[in-house]
Each structure stands twice: as structure tokens, then as C-alpha cells.
Amino acid sequence: MLRFLSRRVSTMVISLLGATIVVFGLAHAKDDPINVFIRAEGYAIGPEQIAALRAKWGLDKPIVLQYLTWLSNIARADLGRSVGTNRKVTDILRERWPATMQLAVGAWIVGTFVGIPLGILSAMRRASILDYLLRAFALSGQSVPAFWVGIVGIWVFAVYLGWLPVPTFYGRTDASFWGQFQYWILPVLVLAWGPIAGYLRITRSAMLEVLDSEYIKLARAKGMGYGRVVAKHAFRNALIQPLTVSALLLAGFMDGAVLVENVFVWPGVGQIAVAAVNDNDFTLLTGIVLLFTILYLAMSFVSDLLYVVIDPRIRLD
């Protein structure tokens, strides 16, 4: 176990260092960073002032030394200041994170606790009309883009039927619980649309593979009921693949769900990521990318640890 943990932690550190090199290199690849700062501040200055600004921001140093300085700042949780707003990137992410976290956790719960049972049901009713309908839903769920589903959902449920309000008023405290909750329903369902379909297909495939195995046939031959076989033997052994998707999916939700947040004007990390790209705010963008990277590495590590809990046959040597 200790060998596995040390190996995985070492891999995470190497991956994170590689990500920082890529992010830092891309930030300096397109243009001289000094030009971005000057445009953002509205400077109209000469060579002497540019040289002074280079010295102020450390851009006069060799590129390797700039990277090491930037890396040491990251180790102290100092991601720099946004080029556009001149605010600390950590403060911006701290403000936007609760909105993204609320949307991500809700969509993850809906996607997991709807998609996996539908996948099990589809496998248990193999080749039935219900199975074909669920497979058609899974195909459409993975092929139709989320932004289109969001726009159509707003038109149908908010504009035409009037069941839900037009987005968004996240953060207001002058409404009742239902008054706030109803603004949360449609974004969560749209964000969970694709994952439900993905869970359905993965769980169905894993369940069919397990249900066709010899020990399941033996349990059925001994007279054990089909529902008990599925609940006691098949489900646990088929859960490894959905678990892997689940951990990475939660990290993917927490990275901001860029399209859904922009369609529903949801004030999360995904919305400011688009704004950072449009404004060429590379300090904010690098902070967001590093946050995404850390989330994916952490959730991947957690999913590896959960394998042992789900399947005792797996040993972490």
C-alpha cells in the first residue's frame, strides 16, 4: 500500500510539474507578456519605461529564472494578479468557486444516481423495448451538445411553458428556498444530460459482461433469484468502470462546465475562463488551468484508492 501511495504521489508531482511547464510556455509562446500588460494598463510609453516595467514584473530575467520564480509563487498560493482587473487571481477564484461547486455537485449527484440505475435496468432488460429506448437516449445524450440542450431547455421550460425562470440570479438571498432552487434546476439537468447518457452506456456494458460470466450462471443454476444475483454479485463487480468515470467526471464538473455556465449566465469559474481567453488575461487563465489540473490529478488518485473498497481482489502493491 505504501509503495503504491508513494508511486502515485510521485506521478502526480511529475504530472503537475509538467503541466506548469506547458502552461508557462504557452503563456510566453504567442507574444511578449510585456505587451499584454501594457495594453491592459493603457500605457503609451517609450523604451525606458518598458525596461522599467520589465524589471518590475521580472520579465528582464532569463526564461528559466522566470519560470522558477513563478513556480515558487505558486507554491505559496500566489497566482499573480489578473491583467484585466488587477486583482489577485486567488481572490477571483475564491469568489467564483462556490457557484461552480454548487452546480458541479448537483449535476454529479443527478448524473450518477440516474445514469447508473438506468444502465443496470437496461442490462437487466436486454433486447427489450425499454433497452432500445434507453440506448437511443444514451446515443442522443452523448451526441447532442450541452449548449444546444441548454438553449432549447430555456425556450421550452422558461419561455414557452413558464415552469422555470429565465436564468440566472445566483447569489441572491432575498428569496425563499424554492425561489432560489428553481434557478438551479435547469442548469443542473443540462449539465447532467451528457453524463447520464455516458453512465448508462458504460454501466450497461459492464453489467452485460459480468452477467455473462460463469459465476453468475452458476449462482442462477443454484436457484438464486435474478434480482439477488444482480444486487449481490453483478453490480459490485461491474462498478469499477463507472467509478473511474465518476471521479473524473466530478473534477470535470468542478472545472467550470464552460458552455453550460455561459449559456445560463452562471457566475462560476467556467464563465471567467471564457472571459480570460477573450481578454488575453494569461495570468488568470494559467491559474484556472492549474486549478483544473490539480482537480483531475486528485480525483484520479481518489478513484484508484476506491478500487480496493469496491473490489477486494484488487491489491495495491
C-alpha atoms as a PDB file:
ATOM      1  CA  MET A   1       0.000   0.000   0.000  1.00  0.00           C
ATOM      2  CA  LEU A   2       2.763   2.434   0.934  1.00  0.00           C
ATOM      3  CA  ARG A   3       4.629   1.626  -2.269  1.00  0.00           C
ATOM      4  CA  PHE A   4       1.506   2.333  -4.289  1.00  0.00           C
ATOM      5  CA  LEU A   5       0.862   5.621  -2.479  1.00  0.00           C
ATOM      6  CA  SER A   6       4.437   6.811  -2.907  1.00  0.00           C
ATOM      7  CA  ARG A   7       4.389   5.847  -6.588  1.00  0.00           C
ATOM      8  CA  ARG A   8       1.094   7.622  -7.229  1.00  0.00           C
ATOM      9  CA  VAL A   9       2.158  10.760  -5.334  1.00  0.00           C
ATOM     10  CA  SER A  10       5.398  10.856  -7.312  1.00  0.00           C
ATOM     11  CA  THR A  11       3.468  10.527 -10.556  1.00  0.00           C
ATOM     12  CA  MET A  12       1.130  13.334  -9.505  1.00  0.00           C
ATOM     13  CA  VAL A  13       4.029  15.651  -8.690  1.00  0.00           C
ATOM     14  CA  ILE A  14       5.717  14.935 -12.027  1.00  0.00           C
ATOM     15  CA  SER A  15       2.444  15.461 -13.897  1.00  0.00           C
ATOM     16  CA  LEU A  16       1.827  18.732 -12.077  1.00  0.00           C
ATOM     17  CA  LEU A  17       5.328  19.981 -12.856  1.00  0.00           C
ATOM     18  CA  GLY A  18       4.817  19.037 -16.489  1.00  0.00           C
ATOM     19  CA  ALA A  19       1.544  20.966 -16.520  1.00  0.00           C
ATOM     20  CA  THR A  20       3.216  24.061 -15.074  1.00  0.00           C
ATOM     21  CA  ILE A  21       5.901  23.919 -17.782  1.00  0.00           C
ATOM     22  CA  VAL A  22       3.283  23.639 -20.528  1.00  0.00           C
ATOM     23  CA  VAL A  23       1.141  26.441 -19.096  1.00  0.00           C
ATOM     24  CA  PHE A  24       4.110  28.744 -18.572  1.00  0.00           C
ATOM     25  CA  GLY A  25       5.432  28.003 -22.054  1.00  0.00           C
ATOM     26  CA  LEU A  26       2.090  28.672 -23.739  1.00  0.00           C
ATOM     27  CA  ALA A  27       1.742  31.971 -21.864  1.00  0.00           C
ATOM     28  CA  HIS A  28       5.051  33.123 -23.390  1.00  0.00           C
ATOM     29  CA  ALA A  29       4.724  31.489 -26.799  1.00  0.00           C
ATOM     30  CA  LYS A  30       2.325  33.781 -28.647  1.00  0.00           C
ATOM     31  CA  ASP A  31       3.525  37.236 -27.628  1.00  0.00           C
ATOM     32  CA  ASP A  32       5.850  39.053 -25.286  1.00  0.00           C
ATOM     33  CA  PRO A  33       3.986  39.238 -21.937  1.00  0.00           C
ATOM     34  CA  ILE A  34       5.016  42.876 -21.537  1.00  0.00           C
ATOM     35  CA  ASN A  35       2.793  43.789 -24.475  1.00  0.00           C
ATOM     36  CA  VAL A  36      -0.206  42.235 -22.742  1.00  0.00           C
ATOM     37  CA  PHE A  37       0.448  44.213 -19.561  1.00  0.00           C
ATOM     38  CA  ILE A  38       0.914  47.461 -21.457  1.00  0.00           C
ATOM     39  CA  ARG A  39      -2.307  47.003 -23.442  1.00  0.00           C
ATOM     40  CA  ALA A  40      -4.222  46.137 -20.302  1.00  0.00           C
ATOM     41  CA  GLU A  41      -2.965  49.192 -18.435  1.00  0.00           C
ATOM     42  CA  GLY A  42      -3.385  51.520 -21.411  1.00  0.00           C
ATOM     43  CA  TYR A  43       0.228  52.644 -21.423  1.00  0.00           C
ATOM     44  CA  ALA A  44       1.678  54.778 -24.210  1.00  0.00           C
ATOM     45  CA  ILE A  45       5.311  54.779 -23.179  1.00  0.00           C
ATOM     46  CA  GLY A  46       8.827  54.659 -24.529  1.00  0.00           C
ATOM     47  CA  PRO A  47      11.660  52.139 -24.301  1.00  0.00           C
ATOM     48  CA  GLU A  48      12.891  53.368 -20.896  1.00  0.00           C
ATOM     49  CA  GLN A  49       9.522  52.899 -19.266  1.00  0.00           C
ATOM     50  CA  ILE A  50       9.154  49.473 -20.898  1.00  0.00           C
ATOM     51  CA  ALA A  51      12.525  48.457 -19.470  1.00  0.00           C
ATOM     52  CA  ALA A  52      11.421  49.652 -16.019  1.00  0.00           C
ATOM     53  CA  LEU A  53       8.188  47.643 -16.278  1.00  0.00           C
ATOM     54  CA  ARG A  54      10.147  44.566 -17.348  1.00  0.00           C
ATOM     55  CA  ALA A  55      12.304  44.911 -14.246  1.00  0.00           C
ATOM     56  CA  LYS A  56       9.217  45.475 -12.055  1.00  0.00           C
ATOM     57  CA  TRP A  57       7.466  42.335 -13.268  1.00  0.00           C
ATOM     58  CA  GLY A  58      10.635  40.225 -13.543  1.00  0.00           C
ATOM     59  CA  LEU A  59      10.404  39.910 -17.330  1.00  0.00           C
ATOM     60  CA  ASP A  60      14.015  41.023 -17.788  1.00  0.00           C
ATOM     61  CA  LYS A  61      15.312  37.774 -16.286  1.00  0.00           C
ATOM     62  CA  PRO A  62      16.145  34.600 -18.255  1.00  0.00           C
ATOM     63  CA  ILE A  63      13.109  32.476 -19.076  1.00  0.00           C
ATOM     64  CA  VAL A  64      14.233  29.645 -16.770  1.00  0.00           C
ATOM     65  CA  LEU A  65      14.583  32.024 -13.840  1.00  0.00           C
ATOM     66  CA  GLN A  66      11.157  33.498 -14.631  1.00  0.00           C
ATOM     67  CA  TYR A  67       9.674  30.005 -14.514  1.00  0.00           C
ATOM     68  CA  LEU A  68      11.338  29.165 -11.188  1.00  0.00           C
ATOM     69  CA  THR A  69      10.130  32.453  -9.685  1.00  0.00           C
ATOM     70  CA  TRP A  70       6.609  31.790 -10.942  1.00  0.00           C
ATOM     71  CA  LEU A  71       6.748  28.234  -9.564  1.00  0.00           C
ATOM     72  CA  SER A  72       7.854  29.449  -6.133  1.00  0.00           C
ATOM     73  CA  ASN A  73       4.979  31.931  -6.105  1.00  0.00           C
ATOM     74  CA  ILE A  74       2.538  29.112  -6.938  1.00  0.00           C
ATOM     75  CA  ALA A  75       3.929  27.058  -4.042  1.00  0.00           C
ATOM     76  CA  ARG A  76       2.940  29.981  -1.791  1.00  0.00           C
ATOM     77  CA  ALA A  77      -0.557  30.073  -3.361  1.00  0.00           C
ATOM     78  CA  ASP A  78       0.315  33.304  -5.156  1.00  0.00           C
ATOM     79  CA  LEU A  79      -1.038  33.021  -8.706  1.00  0.00           C
ATOM     80  CA  GLY A  80      -0.358  36.637  -9.537  1.00  0.00           C
ATOM     81  CA  ARG A  81      -2.765  39.388 -10.490  1.00  0.00           C
ATOM     82  CA  SER A  82      -5.325  39.432 -13.266  1.00  0.00           C
ATOM     83  CA  VAL A  83      -4.204  41.518 -16.237  1.00  0.00           C
ATOM     84  CA  GLY A  84      -7.712  42.824 -16.843  1.00  0.00           C
ATOM     85  CA  THR A  85      -8.856  43.659 -13.290  1.00  0.00           C
ATOM     86  CA  ASN A  86      -5.526  43.925 -11.417  1.00  0.00           C
ATOM     87  CA  ARG A  87      -6.985  41.710  -8.696  1.00  0.00           C
ATOM     88  CA  LYS A  88      -5.367  38.661  -7.175  1.00  0.00           C
ATOM     89  CA  VAL A  89      -6.192  35.527  -9.140  1.00  0.00           C
ATOM     90  CA  THR A  90      -6.678  33.591  -5.890  1.00  0.00           C
ATOM     91  CA  ASP A  91      -9.316  36.111  -4.771  1.00  0.00           C
ATOM     92  CA  ILE A  92     -11.171  35.816  -8.101  1.00  0.00           C
ATOM     93  CA  LEU A  93     -11.170  32.018  -7.955  1.00  0.00           C
ATOM     94  CA  ARG A  94     -12.269  32.072  -4.313  1.00  0.00           C
ATOM     95  CA  GLU A  95     -15.270  34.243  -5.222  1.00  0.00           C
ATOM     96  CA  ARG A  96     -16.294  32.157  -8.231  1.00  0.00           C
ATOM     97  CA  TRP A  97     -15.661  28.726  -6.763  1.00  0.00           C
ATOM     98  CA  PRO A  98     -18.846  28.370  -4.628  1.00  0.00           C
ATOM     99  CA  ALA A  99     -21.119  28.890  -7.661  1.00  0.00           C
ATOM    100  CA  THR A 100     -19.199  26.317  -9.695  1.00  0.00           C
ATOM    101  CA  MET A 101     -19.092  23.892  -6.770  1.00  0.00           C
ATOM    102  CA  GLN A 102     -22.840  24.135  -6.232  1.00  0.00           C
ATOM    103  CA  LEU A 103     -23.571  23.454  -9.891  1.00  0.00           C
ATOM    104  CA  ALA A 104     -20.958  20.698 -10.156  1.00  0.00           C
ATOM    105  CA  VAL A 105     -22.047  18.718  -7.101  1.00  0.00           C
ATOM    106  CA  GLY A 106     -25.707  18.920  -8.092  1.00  0.00           C
ATOM    107  CA  ALA A 107     -25.022  17.742 -11.644  1.00  0.00           C
ATOM    108  CA  TRP A 108     -22.720  14.985 -10.400  1.00  0.00           C
ATOM    109  CA  ILE A 109     -25.371  13.666  -7.990  1.00  0.00           C
ATOM    110  CA  VAL A 110     -28.069  13.715 -10.658  1.00  0.00           C
ATOM    111  CA  GLY A 111     -25.818  12.162 -13.308  1.00  0.00           C
ATOM    112  CA  THR A 112     -24.543   9.396 -11.028  1.00  0.00           C
ATOM    113  CA  PHE A 113     -27.782   8.410  -9.312  1.00  0.00           C
ATOM    114  CA  VAL A 114     -29.805   8.488 -12.525  1.00  0.00           C
ATOM    115  CA  GLY A 115     -27.330   7.192 -15.109  1.00  0.00           C
ATOM    116  CA  ILE A 116     -26.050   4.144 -13.214  1.00  0.00           C
ATOM    117  CA  PRO A 117     -29.510   2.750 -12.299  1.00  0.00           C
ATOM    118  CA  LEU A 118     -30.647   3.281 -15.896  1.00  0.00           C
ATOM    119  CA  GLY A 119     -27.597   1.346 -17.097  1.00  0.00           C
ATOM    120  CA  ILE A 120     -28.384  -1.519 -14.734  1.00  0.00           C
ATOM    121  CA  LEU A 121     -32.026  -1.539 -15.818  1.00  0.00           C
ATOM    122  CA  SER A 122     -31.026  -1.563 -19.484  1.00  0.00           C
ATOM    123  CA  ALA A 123     -28.695  -4.533 -18.935  1.00  0.00           C
ATOM    124  CA  MET A 124     -31.317  -6.458 -16.981  1.00  0.00           C
ATOM    125  CA  ARG A 125     -33.897  -5.888 -19.751  1.00  0.00           C
ATOM    126  CA  ARG A 126     -31.529  -6.708 -22.578  1.00  0.00           C
ATOM    127  CA  ALA A 127     -33.061  -6.651 -26.093  1.00  0.00           C
ATOM    128  CA  SER A 128     -36.388  -5.378 -24.778  1.00  0.00           C
ATOM    129  CA  ILE A 129     -38.229  -2.263 -25.922  1.00  0.00           C
ATOM    130  CA  LEU A 130     -37.093  -0.477 -22.758  1.00  0.00           C
ATOM    131  CA  ASP A 131     -33.491  -1.408 -23.534  1.00  0.00           C
ATOM    132  CA  TYR A 132     -33.753   0.020 -27.045  1.00  0.00           C
ATOM    133  CA  LEU A 133     -35.325   3.235 -25.744  1.00  0.00           C
ATOM    134  CA  LEU A 134     -32.616   3.703 -23.122  1.00  0.00           C
ATOM    135  CA  ARG A 135     -29.878   3.032 -25.681  1.00  0.00           C
ATOM    136  CA  ALA A 136     -31.445   5.606 -28.006  1.00  0.00           C
ATOM    137  CA  PHE A 137     -31.481   8.093 -25.151  1.00  0.00           C
ATOM    138  CA  ALA A 138     -27.823   7.350 -24.403  1.00  0.00           C
ATOM    139  CA  LEU A 139     -26.883   7.895 -28.042  1.00  0.00           C
ATOM    140  CA  SER A 140     -28.722  11.207 -28.239  1.00  0.00           C
ATOM    141  CA  GLY A 141     -27.363  12.297 -24.864  1.00  0.00           C
ATOM    142  CA  GLN A 142     -23.774  11.861 -25.996  1.00  0.00           C
ATOM    143  CA  SER A 143     -24.234  13.328 -29.464  1.00  0.00           C
ATOM    144  CA  VAL A 144     -26.339  16.437 -28.768  1.00  0.00           C
ATOM    145  CA  PRO A 145     -24.162  19.313 -27.454  1.00  0.00           C
ATOM    146  CA  ALA A 146     -24.913  20.690 -23.996  1.00  0.00           C
ATOM    147  CA  PHE A 147     -25.194  24.302 -25.133  1.00  0.00           C
ATOM    148  CA  TRP A 148     -27.961  23.351 -27.596  1.00  0.00           C
ATOM    149  CA  VAL A 149     -29.814  21.406 -24.907  1.00  0.00           C
ATOM    150  CA  GLY A 150     -29.485  24.419 -22.614  1.00  0.00           C
ATOM    151  CA  ILE A 151     -30.845  26.885 -25.157  1.00  0.00           C
ATOM    152  CA  VAL A 152     -33.760  24.607 -26.078  1.00  0.00           C
ATOM    153  CA  GLY A 153     -34.435  23.932 -22.395  1.00  0.00           C
ATOM    154  CA  ILE A 154     -34.629  27.659 -21.674  1.00  0.00           C
ATOM    155  CA  TRP A 155     -37.024  28.193 -24.569  1.00  0.00           C
ATOM    156  CA  VAL A 156     -39.296  25.257 -23.660  1.00  0.00           C
ATOM    157  CA  PHE A 157     -39.385  25.343 -19.859  1.00  0.00           C
ATOM    158  CA  ALA A 158     -38.716  29.026 -19.147  1.00  0.00           C
ATOM    159  CA  VAL A 159     -40.193  30.891 -22.125  1.00  0.00           C
ATOM    160  CA  TYR A 160     -42.911  28.662 -23.621  1.00  0.00           C
ATOM    161  CA  LEU A 161     -44.202  26.701 -20.610  1.00  0.00           C
ATOM    162  CA  GLY A 162     -43.135  29.158 -17.933  1.00  0.00           C
ATOM    163  CA  TRP A 163     -42.375  26.393 -15.439  1.00  0.00           C
ATOM    164  CA  LEU A 164     -38.905  27.685 -14.614  1.00  0.00           C
ATOM    165  CA  PRO A 165     -37.445  31.196 -14.540  1.00  0.00           C
ATOM    166  CA  VAL A 166     -35.067  32.542 -17.127  1.00  0.00           C
ATOM    167  CA  PRO A 167     -31.517  32.307 -15.753  1.00  0.00           C
ATOM    168  CA  THR A 168     -29.920  33.481 -13.564  1.00  0.00           C
ATOM    169  CA  PHE A 169     -29.923  35.101 -10.173  1.00  0.00           C
ATOM    170  CA  TYR A 170     -27.341  33.057  -8.302  1.00  0.00           C
ATOM    171  CA  GLY A 171     -26.273  34.594  -5.014  1.00  0.00           C
ATOM    172  CA  ARG A 172     -29.463  36.489  -4.108  1.00  0.00           C
ATOM    173  CA  THR A 173     -30.650  35.943  -0.562  1.00  0.00           C
ATOM    174  CA  ASP A 174     -33.953  37.832  -0.662  1.00  0.00           C
ATOM    175  CA  ALA A 175     -35.982  34.885  -1.991  1.00  0.00           C
ATOM    176  CA  SER A 176     -37.388  31.713  -0.482  1.00  0.00           C
ATOM    177  CA  PHE A 177     -35.687  28.359  -0.781  1.00  0.00           C
ATOM    178  CA  TRP A 178     -37.846  27.397  -3.757  1.00  0.00           C
ATOM    179  CA  GLY A 179     -37.287  30.815  -5.297  1.00  0.00           C
ATOM    180  CA  GLN A 180     -33.546  30.125  -5.342  1.00  0.00           C
ATOM    181  CA  PHE A 181     -33.766  26.397  -6.033  1.00  0.00           C
ATOM    182  CA  GLN A 182     -35.764  26.772  -9.249  1.00  0.00           C
ATOM    183  CA  TYR A 183     -32.919  28.747 -10.836  1.00  0.00           C
ATOM    184  CA  TRP A 184     -30.651  25.808 -10.123  1.00  0.00           C
ATOM    185  CA  ILE A 185     -32.799  23.059 -11.684  1.00  0.00           C
ATOM    186  CA  LEU A 186     -32.319  23.663 -15.399  1.00  0.00           C
ATOM    187  CA  PRO A 187     -28.520  24.245 -15.358  1.00  0.00           C
ATOM    188  CA  VAL A 188     -28.021  21.086 -13.298  1.00  0.00           C
ATOM    189  CA  LEU A 189     -30.186  18.962 -15.578  1.00  0.00           C
ATOM    190  CA  VAL A 190     -28.475  20.285 -18.707  1.00  0.00           C
ATOM    191  CA  LEU A 191     -25.019  19.725 -17.217  1.00  0.00           C
ATOM    192  CA  ALA A 192     -26.009  16.191 -16.155  1.00  0.00           C
ATOM    193  CA  TRP A 193     -27.573  15.370 -19.558  1.00  0.00           C
ATOM    194  CA  GLY A 194     -24.386  14.036 -21.171  1.00  0.00           C
ATOM    195  CA  PRO A 195     -23.054  12.231 -18.070  1.00  0.00           C
ATOM    196  CA  ILE A 196     -26.370  10.391 -17.599  1.00  0.00           C
ATOM    197  CA  ALA A 197     -26.017   9.031 -21.126  1.00  0.00           C
ATOM    198  CA  GLY A 198     -22.365   8.166 -20.567  1.00  0.00           C
ATOM    199  CA  TYR A 199     -23.053   6.393 -17.280  1.00  0.00           C
ATOM    200  CA  LEU A 200     -25.895   4.485 -18.927  1.00  0.00           C
ATOM    201  CA  ARG A 201     -23.719   3.104 -21.727  1.00  0.00           C
ATOM    202  CA  ILE A 202     -20.717   2.295 -19.527  1.00  0.00           C
ATOM    203  CA  THR A 203     -22.773   0.662 -16.777  1.00  0.00           C
ATOM    204  CA  ARG A 204     -24.820  -1.340 -19.274  1.00  0.00           C
ATOM    205  CA  SER A 205     -21.686  -2.626 -20.997  1.00  0.00           C
ATOM    206  CA  ALA A 206     -20.019  -3.563 -17.695  1.00  0.00           C
ATOM    207  CA  MET A 207     -23.158  -5.228 -16.379  1.00  0.00           C
ATOM    208  CA  LEU A 208     -23.639  -7.308 -19.532  1.00  0.00           C
ATOM    209  CA  GLU A 209     -20.043  -8.506 -19.319  1.00  0.00           C
ATOM    210  CA  VAL A 210     -20.499  -9.550 -15.699  1.00  0.00           C
ATOM    211  CA  LEU A 211     -23.919 -11.119 -16.256  1.00  0.00           C
ATOM    212  CA  ASP A 212     -22.449 -13.358 -18.972  1.00  0.00           C
ATOM    213  CA  SER A 213     -19.668 -14.638 -16.705  1.00  0.00           C
ATOM    214  CA  GLU A 214     -19.599 -18.194 -15.377  1.00  0.00           C
ATOM    215  CA  TYR A 215     -20.054 -17.463 -11.682  1.00  0.00           C
ATOM    216  CA  ILE A 216     -23.298 -15.592 -12.417  1.00  0.00           C
ATOM    217  CA  LYS A 217     -24.567 -18.565 -14.398  1.00  0.00           C
ATOM    218  CA  LEU A 218     -23.589 -20.837 -11.501  1.00  0.00           C
ATOM    219  CA  ALA A 219     -25.464 -18.680  -9.000  1.00  0.00           C
ATOM    220  CA  ARG A 220     -28.536 -18.749 -11.228  1.00  0.00           C
ATOM    221  CA  ALA A 221     -28.219 -22.539 -11.623  1.00  0.00           C
ATOM    222  CA  LYS A 222     -28.254 -22.887  -7.823  1.00  0.00           C
ATOM    223  CA  GLY A 223     -31.644 -21.226  -7.780  1.00  0.00           C
ATOM    224  CA  MET A 224     -30.686 -17.719  -6.638  1.00  0.00           C
ATOM    225  CA  GLY A 225     -33.150 -15.095  -7.814  1.00  0.00           C
ATOM    226  CA  TYR A 226     -32.184 -12.825 -10.685  1.00  0.00           C
ATOM    227  CA  GLY A 227     -32.588  -9.632  -8.673  1.00  0.00           C
ATOM    228  CA  ARG A 228     -30.462 -11.001  -5.848  1.00  0.00           C
ATOM    229  CA  VAL A 229     -27.749 -12.095  -8.282  1.00  0.00           C
ATOM    230  CA  VAL A 230     -27.619  -8.618  -9.771  1.00  0.00           C
ATOM    231  CA  ALA A 231     -27.589  -6.851  -6.391  1.00  0.00           C
ATOM    232  CA  LYS A 232     -25.156  -9.144  -4.574  1.00  0.00           C
ATOM    233  CA  HIS A 233     -22.739 -10.261  -7.287  1.00  0.00           C
ATOM    234  CA  ALA A 234     -23.043  -8.437 -10.592  1.00  0.00           C
ATOM    235  CA  PHE A 235     -23.417  -4.813  -9.513  1.00  0.00           C
ATOM    236  CA  ARG A 236     -20.336  -4.623  -7.303  1.00  0.00           C
ATOM    237  CA  ASN A 237     -18.084  -6.241  -9.884  1.00  0.00           C
ATOM    238  CA  ALA A 238     -19.423  -4.010 -12.644  1.00  0.00           C
ATOM    239  CA  LEU A 239     -18.997  -0.809 -10.637  1.00  0.00           C
ATOM    240  CA  ILE A 240     -15.282  -0.274 -11.293  1.00  0.00           C
ATOM    241  CA  GLN A 241     -15.719   1.303 -14.723  1.00  0.00           C
ATOM    242  CA  PRO A 242     -18.475   3.746 -13.661  1.00  0.00           C
ATOM    243  CA  LEU A 243     -16.407   4.625 -10.602  1.00  0.00           C
ATOM    244  CA  THR A 244     -13.463   5.685 -12.728  1.00  0.00           C
ATOM    245  CA  VAL A 245     -15.723   7.857 -14.848  1.00  0.00           C
ATOM    246  CA  SER A 246     -17.440   9.234 -11.746  1.00  0.00           C
ATOM    247  CA  ALA A 247     -14.280  10.563 -10.114  1.00  0.00           C
ATOM    248  CA  LEU A 248     -13.002  12.241 -13.267  1.00  0.00           C
ATOM    249  CA  LEU A 249     -16.490  13.494 -14.073  1.00  0.00           C
ATOM    250  CA  LEU A 250     -16.714  15.327 -10.752  1.00  0.00           C
ATOM    251  CA  ALA A 251     -13.388  17.002 -11.477  1.00  0.00           C
ATOM    252  CA  GLY A 252     -14.654  17.893 -14.934  1.00  0.00           C
ATOM    253  CA  PHE A 253     -17.784  19.449 -13.434  1.00  0.00           C
ATOM    254  CA  MET A 254     -15.743  21.463 -10.975  1.00  0.00           C
ATOM    255  CA  ASP A 255     -13.541  22.877 -13.719  1.00  0.00           C
ATOM    256  CA  GLY A 256     -16.393  25.184 -14.576  1.00  0.00           C
ATOM    257  CA  ALA A 257     -18.564  23.480 -17.225  1.00  0.00           C
ATOM    258  CA  VAL A 258     -17.700  26.337 -19.557  1.00  0.00           C
ATOM    259  CA  LEU A 259     -20.549  26.036 -22.051  1.00  0.00           C
ATOM    260  CA  VAL A 260     -23.321  25.497 -19.511  1.00  0.00           C
ATOM    261  CA  GLU A 261     -22.146  28.341 -17.288  1.00  0.00           C
ATOM    262  CA  ASN A 262     -22.087  30.750 -20.213  1.00  0.00           C
ATOM    263  CA  VAL A 263     -25.499  29.674 -21.544  1.00  0.00           C
ATOM    264  CA  PHE A 264     -27.115  30.141 -18.124  1.00  0.00           C
ATOM    265  CA  VAL A 265     -25.021  33.179 -17.140  1.00  0.00           C
ATOM    266  CA  TRP A 266     -23.837  31.206 -14.128  1.00  0.00           C
ATOM    267  CA  PRO A 267     -21.102  33.195 -12.312  1.00  0.00           C
ATOM    268  CA  GLY A 268     -18.608  30.372 -11.926  1.00  0.00           C
ATOM    269  CA  VAL A 269     -15.066  29.516 -12.938  1.00  0.00           C
ATOM    270  CA  GLY A 270     -16.100  28.465 -16.448  1.00  0.00           C
ATOM    271  CA  GLN A 271     -17.525  31.899 -17.219  1.00  0.00           C
ATOM    272  CA  ILE A 272     -14.370  33.743 -16.199  1.00  0.00           C
ATOM    273  CA  ALA A 273     -12.296  31.220 -18.168  1.00  0.00           C
ATOM    274  CA  VAL A 274     -14.033  32.355 -21.375  1.00  0.00           C
ATOM    275  CA  ALA A 275     -13.567  35.998 -20.368  1.00  0.00           C
ATOM    276  CA  ALA A 276      -9.856  35.357 -19.703  1.00  0.00           C
ATOM    277  CA  VAL A 277      -9.410  33.877 -23.188  1.00  0.00           C
ATOM    278  CA  ASN A 278     -11.221  36.782 -24.840  1.00  0.00           C
ATOM    279  CA  ASP A 279      -9.248  39.369 -22.843  1.00  0.00           C
ATOM    280  CA  ASN A 280      -5.905  37.579 -23.263  1.00  0.00           C
ATOM    281  CA  ASP A 281      -5.637  37.532 -19.466  1.00  0.00           C
ATOM    282  CA  PHE A 282      -2.977  34.845 -19.275  1.00  0.00           C
ATOM    283  CA  THR A 283      -2.324  35.194 -15.527  1.00  0.00           C
ATOM    284  CA  LEU A 284      -5.950  34.386 -14.736  1.00  0.00           C
ATOM    285  CA  LEU A 285      -6.036  31.679 -17.395  1.00  0.00           C
ATOM    286  CA  THR A 286      -2.908  29.970 -16.056  1.00  0.00           C
ATOM    287  CA  GLY A 287      -4.409  29.961 -12.571  1.00  0.00           C
ATOM    288  CA  ILE A 288      -7.605  28.344 -13.864  1.00  0.00           C
ATOM    289  CA  VAL A 289      -5.701  25.719 -15.862  1.00  0.00           C
ATOM    290  CA  LEU A 290      -3.554  24.822 -12.841  1.00  0.00           C
ATOM    291  CA  LEU A 291      -6.686  24.500 -10.711  1.00  0.00           C
ATOM    292  CA  PHE A 292      -8.211  22.140 -13.279  1.00  0.00           C
ATOM    293  CA  THR A 293      -5.029  20.063 -13.399  1.00  0.00           C
ATOM    294  CA  ILE A 294      -4.860  19.675  -9.623  1.00  0.00           C
ATOM    295  CA  LEU A 295      -8.520  18.631  -9.506  1.00  0.00           C
ATOM    296  CA  TYR A 296      -8.077  15.944 -12.166  1.00  0.00           C
ATOM    297  CA  LEU A 297      -4.954  14.539 -10.519  1.00  0.00           C
ATOM    298  CA  ALA A 298      -6.591  14.481  -7.077  1.00  0.00           C
ATOM    299  CA  MET A 299      -9.785  12.794  -8.282  1.00  0.00           C
ATOM    300  CA  SER A 300      -7.806  10.234 -10.264  1.00  0.00           C
ATOM    301  CA  PHE A 301      -5.867   9.405  -7.099  1.00  0.00           C
ATOM    302  CA  VAL A 302      -9.101   9.040  -5.104  1.00  0.00           C
ATOM    303  CA  SER A 303     -10.607   6.711  -7.713  1.00  0.00           C
ATOM    304  CA  ASP A 304      -7.543   4.447  -7.535  1.00  0.00           C
ATOM    305  CA  LEU A 305      -7.917   4.175  -3.768  1.00  0.00           C
ATOM    306  CA  LEU A 306     -11.623   3.353  -4.029  1.00  0.00           C
ATOM    307  CA  TYR A 307     -10.901   0.349  -6.247  1.00  0.00           C
ATOM    308  CA  VAL A 308      -9.885  -1.673  -3.191  1.00  0.00           C
ATOM    309  CA  VAL A 309     -13.098  -0.822  -1.367  1.00  0.00           C
ATOM    310  CA  ILE A 310     -15.278  -1.931  -4.273  1.00  0.00           C
ATOM    311  CA  ASP A 311     -13.319  -4.983  -5.399  1.00  0.00           C
ATOM    312  CA  PRO A 312     -11.303  -6.813  -2.694  1.00  0.00           C
ATOM    313  CA  ARG A 313      -9.496  -8.798  -5.399  1.00  0.00           C
ATOM    314  CA  ILE A 314      -7.508  -5.688  -6.280  1.00  0.00           C
ATOM    315  CA  ARG A 315      -4.362  -5.229  -4.208  1.00  0.00           C
ATOM    316  CA  LEU A 316      -2.285  -2.048  -4.226  1.00  0.00           C
ATOM    317  CA  ASP A 317       1.259  -3.414  -4.079  1.00  0.00           C
END
